[in-house]
Amino acid sequence: MPRINSIDPGKAQGKAKQLLDGLQKSMGMTPNIMRALANSPAALEAYIGLLNALGGASIDAKAREAIALATSGLNGCEYCAAAHTAIGKMHGLSDDETQANLRGQSSDPSRAAALQFASSVVSKRGWVSDDDIAEVRAAGFGDAEIAEIVATVGATIFSNYFNHIAQTEVDFPKVALEETQAA
């Protein structure tokens, strides 16, 4: 049962209403995480702003969704695993690929390197080694892409932790999560 109330978009007021209406218009739905975040229009606006900014990243949408899946898998976030599986499929990821991504793996070599680095960021709480940096650079990622990987991990950790705290009801098709690897 959710521990943070969801704001009904039809009853929302002020900035919360404006943000929720915008989400409904752009997504065709208002996900439960956004309804819960709307308790604080500042938190909702910050999260939407980060996601929108990352939409202009040099790493593509498939890679961003794969990173979100790997992060969510490590953090054991059922809500985000379901949401990013659905969104990843909209961006062309297959069922097998989304399941691999949840385990921090990919059949695409470049994406696999990004996921390995993202998984290191999560499991080492940001304290990656020089070898981790050298490996992601060897896979063709420069400073901009490394920053975008970290930003995607950060946005996903925010949503993972929020959903853990809120116990947000999953409103996407559920996916099975294997035992989490993060401490």
Protein backbone atom coordinates (compact mmCIF):
# COMPACT_ATOMS: atom_id res chain seq x y z
CA MET A 1 0.00 0.00 0.00
CA PRO A 2 1.44 3.39 -0.94
CA ARG A 3 2.93 5.41 1.92
CA ILE A 4 2.79 8.73 0.06
CA ASN A 5 -0.56 9.88 -1.26
CA SER A 6 -1.06 10.33 -4.97
CA ILE A 7 -2.45 13.61 -6.21
CA ASP A 8 -5.48 13.18 -8.42
CA PRO A 9 -4.68 15.22 -11.55
CA GLY A 10 -8.34 16.26 -11.77
CA LYS A 11 -8.18 17.78 -8.29
CA ALA A 12 -4.66 19.16 -8.41
CA GLN A 13 -4.14 22.89 -8.10
CA GLY A 14 -1.54 25.45 -9.01
CA LYS A 15 1.90 24.28 -10.12
CA ALA A 16 1.05 20.63 -9.42
CA LYS A 17 -1.93 20.82 -11.79
CA GLN A 18 0.16 22.52 -14.48
CA LEU A 19 2.87 19.84 -14.27
CA LEU A 20 0.46 16.90 -14.15
CA ASP A 21 -1.56 18.30 -17.07
CA GLY A 22 1.68 18.63 -19.04
CA LEU A 23 2.61 15.02 -18.30
CA GLN A 24 -0.83 13.79 -19.36
CA LYS A 25 -0.54 15.73 -22.60
CA SER A 26 3.00 14.59 -23.42
CA MET A 27 2.77 10.98 -22.22
CA GLY A 28 -0.91 10.22 -22.68
CA MET A 29 -0.98 9.13 -19.03
CA THR A 30 0.06 10.37 -15.62
CA PRO A 31 2.27 7.70 -14.01
CA ASN A 32 1.77 7.02 -10.32
CA ILE A 33 5.30 8.17 -9.47
CA MET A 34 4.49 11.58 -10.92
CA ARG A 35 1.20 11.74 -8.99
CA ALA A 36 3.05 11.01 -5.76
CA LEU A 37 5.85 13.46 -6.54
CA ALA A 38 3.19 16.12 -7.18
CA ASN A 39 2.82 16.44 -3.40
CA SER A 40 5.86 18.67 -3.86
CA PRO A 41 5.63 20.57 -7.14
CA ALA A 42 9.31 21.50 -6.65
CA ALA A 43 10.36 17.82 -6.50
CA LEU A 44 8.17 16.94 -9.48
CA GLU A 45 9.45 19.87 -11.52
CA ALA A 46 13.06 18.99 -10.67
CA TYR A 47 12.58 15.37 -11.75
CA ILE A 48 10.78 16.31 -14.97
CA GLY A 49 13.44 18.92 -15.70
CA LEU A 50 16.25 16.40 -15.33
CA LEU A 51 14.49 13.87 -17.55
CA ASN A 52 13.76 16.51 -20.18
CA ALA A 53 17.36 17.73 -20.14
CA LEU A 54 18.66 14.19 -20.57
CA GLY A 55 16.42 13.89 -23.63
CA GLY A 56 19.00 16.12 -25.34
CA ALA A 57 21.94 13.95 -24.28
CA SER A 58 24.45 12.58 -26.74
CA ILE A 59 23.81 9.04 -25.52
CA ASP A 60 20.67 7.77 -27.20
CA ALA A 61 17.33 6.87 -25.65
CA LYS A 62 18.02 3.12 -25.84
CA ALA A 63 21.23 3.57 -23.85
CA ARG A 64 19.54 5.83 -21.31
CA GLU A 65 16.73 3.32 -20.79
CA ALA A 66 19.26 0.48 -20.52
CA ILE A 67 21.15 2.45 -17.85
CA ALA A 68 17.89 3.12 -16.00
CA LEU A 69 17.08 -0.59 -16.16
CA ALA A 70 20.51 -1.64 -14.86
CA THR A 71 20.29 0.90 -12.03
CA SER A 72 16.75 -0.17 -11.16
CA GLY A 73 17.78 -3.83 -11.22
CA LEU A 74 20.67 -3.18 -8.85
CA ASN A 75 18.43 -1.16 -6.55
CA GLY A 76 15.57 -3.67 -6.70
CA CYS A 77 13.01 -1.08 -7.77
CA GLU A 78 9.99 -2.92 -9.15
CA TYR A 79 8.26 0.29 -10.19
CA CYS A 80 11.20 1.60 -12.22
CA ALA A 81 11.97 -1.83 -13.66
CA ALA A 82 8.42 -1.98 -15.00
CA ALA A 83 8.35 1.64 -16.19
CA HIS A 84 11.73 1.53 -17.94
CA THR A 85 10.97 -1.84 -19.50
CA ALA A 86 7.85 -0.35 -21.07
CA ILE A 87 9.64 2.84 -22.12
CA GLY A 88 12.65 0.88 -23.37
CA LYS A 89 10.37 -1.21 -25.58
CA MET A 90 8.88 2.02 -26.99
CA HIS A 91 12.45 2.97 -27.96
CA GLY A 92 13.07 -0.38 -29.66
CA LEU A 93 14.58 -2.57 -26.91
CA SER A 94 13.50 -6.21 -27.14
CA ASP A 95 12.13 -8.30 -24.26
CA ASP A 96 15.43 -10.19 -24.06
CA GLU A 97 17.44 -6.97 -24.07
CA THR A 98 15.38 -5.32 -21.32
CA GLN A 99 15.81 -8.44 -19.16
CA ALA A 100 19.56 -8.42 -19.82
CA ASN A 101 19.69 -4.69 -19.04
CA LEU A 102 18.04 -5.31 -15.65
CA ARG A 103 21.04 -7.58 -14.93
CA GLY A 104 23.47 -4.89 -16.14
CA GLN A 105 24.15 -6.68 -19.42
CA SER A 106 23.57 -5.91 -23.09
CA SER A 107 24.05 -7.67 -26.42
CA ASP A 108 25.25 -4.32 -27.83
CA PRO A 109 28.98 -3.89 -26.99
CA SER A 110 28.81 -0.12 -26.54
CA ARG A 111 25.72 -0.33 -24.37
CA ALA A 112 27.33 -3.16 -22.39
CA ALA A 113 30.29 -0.89 -21.58
CA ALA A 114 27.94 1.90 -20.51
CA LEU A 115 26.02 -0.53 -18.30
CA GLN A 116 29.20 -1.87 -16.74
CA PHE A 117 30.25 1.67 -15.88
CA ALA A 118 26.76 2.60 -14.61
CA SER A 119 26.69 -0.54 -12.47
CA SER A 120 30.08 0.42 -11.01
CA VAL A 121 28.77 3.91 -10.24
CA VAL A 122 25.81 2.39 -8.37
CA SER A 123 27.61 -0.40 -6.54
CA LYS A 124 30.60 1.78 -5.61
CA ARG A 125 28.35 4.73 -4.71
CA GLY A 126 30.19 6.92 -7.19
CA TRP A 127 33.68 5.97 -6.02
CA VAL A 128 34.66 4.37 -9.34
CA SER A 129 38.29 3.44 -9.95
CA ASP A 130 40.69 4.75 -12.56
CA ASP A 131 40.29 1.37 -14.26
CA ASP A 132 36.49 1.87 -14.46
CA ILE A 133 37.05 5.23 -16.16
CA ALA A 134 39.70 3.76 -18.50
CA GLU A 135 37.33 0.93 -19.51
CA VAL A 136 34.42 3.22 -20.36
CA ARG A 137 36.78 5.53 -22.27
CA ALA A 138 38.21 2.54 -24.18
CA ALA A 139 34.66 1.74 -25.27
CA GLY A 140 34.46 5.17 -26.93
CA PHE A 141 32.84 7.28 -24.23
CA GLY A 142 34.20 10.77 -23.65
CA ASP A 143 33.69 13.22 -20.82
CA ALA A 144 30.25 14.32 -22.05
CA GLU A 145 28.95 10.75 -22.28
CA ILE A 146 30.42 9.84 -18.89
CA ALA A 147 28.64 12.85 -17.37
CA GLU A 148 25.39 11.76 -19.06
CA ILE A 149 25.74 8.19 -17.78
CA VAL A 150 26.21 9.53 -14.25
CA ALA A 151 23.26 11.93 -14.65
CA THR A 152 21.05 9.07 -15.87
CA VAL A 153 22.14 6.93 -12.92
CA GLY A 154 21.41 9.85 -10.57
CA ALA A 155 17.94 10.47 -11.99
CA THR A 156 17.18 6.77 -11.73
CA ILE A 157 18.45 6.49 -8.16
CA PHE A 158 16.19 9.41 -7.25
CA SER A 159 13.16 7.62 -8.69
CA ASN A 160 14.23 4.24 -7.24
CA TYR A 161 14.57 5.65 -3.74
CA PHE A 162 11.41 7.70 -4.00
CA ASN A 163 9.45 4.61 -5.05
CA HIS A 164 10.98 2.54 -2.25
CA ILE A 165 9.93 5.17 0.29
CA ALA A 166 6.52 5.87 -1.26
CA GLN A 167 5.81 2.22 -2.11
CA THR A 168 4.36 3.50 -5.36
CA GLU A 169 1.79 1.22 -6.93
CA VAL A 170 3.13 -0.13 -10.23
CA ASP A 171 0.98 1.11 -13.11
CA PHE A 172 3.04 -0.40 -15.94
CA PRO A 173 3.15 -4.10 -16.90
CA LYS A 174 5.06 -5.77 -14.07
CA VAL A 175 8.41 -7.45 -14.69
CA ALA A 176 10.23 -9.99 -12.57
CA LEU A 177 13.34 -8.77 -10.79
CA GLU A 178 16.11 -11.15 -9.86
CA GLU A 179 17.76 -10.82 -6.49
CA THR A 180 19.43 -7.42 -6.30
CA GLN A 181 23.18 -7.06 -6.34
CA ALA A 182 23.60 -3.70 -4.62
CA ALA A 183 24.48 -3.57 -0.95
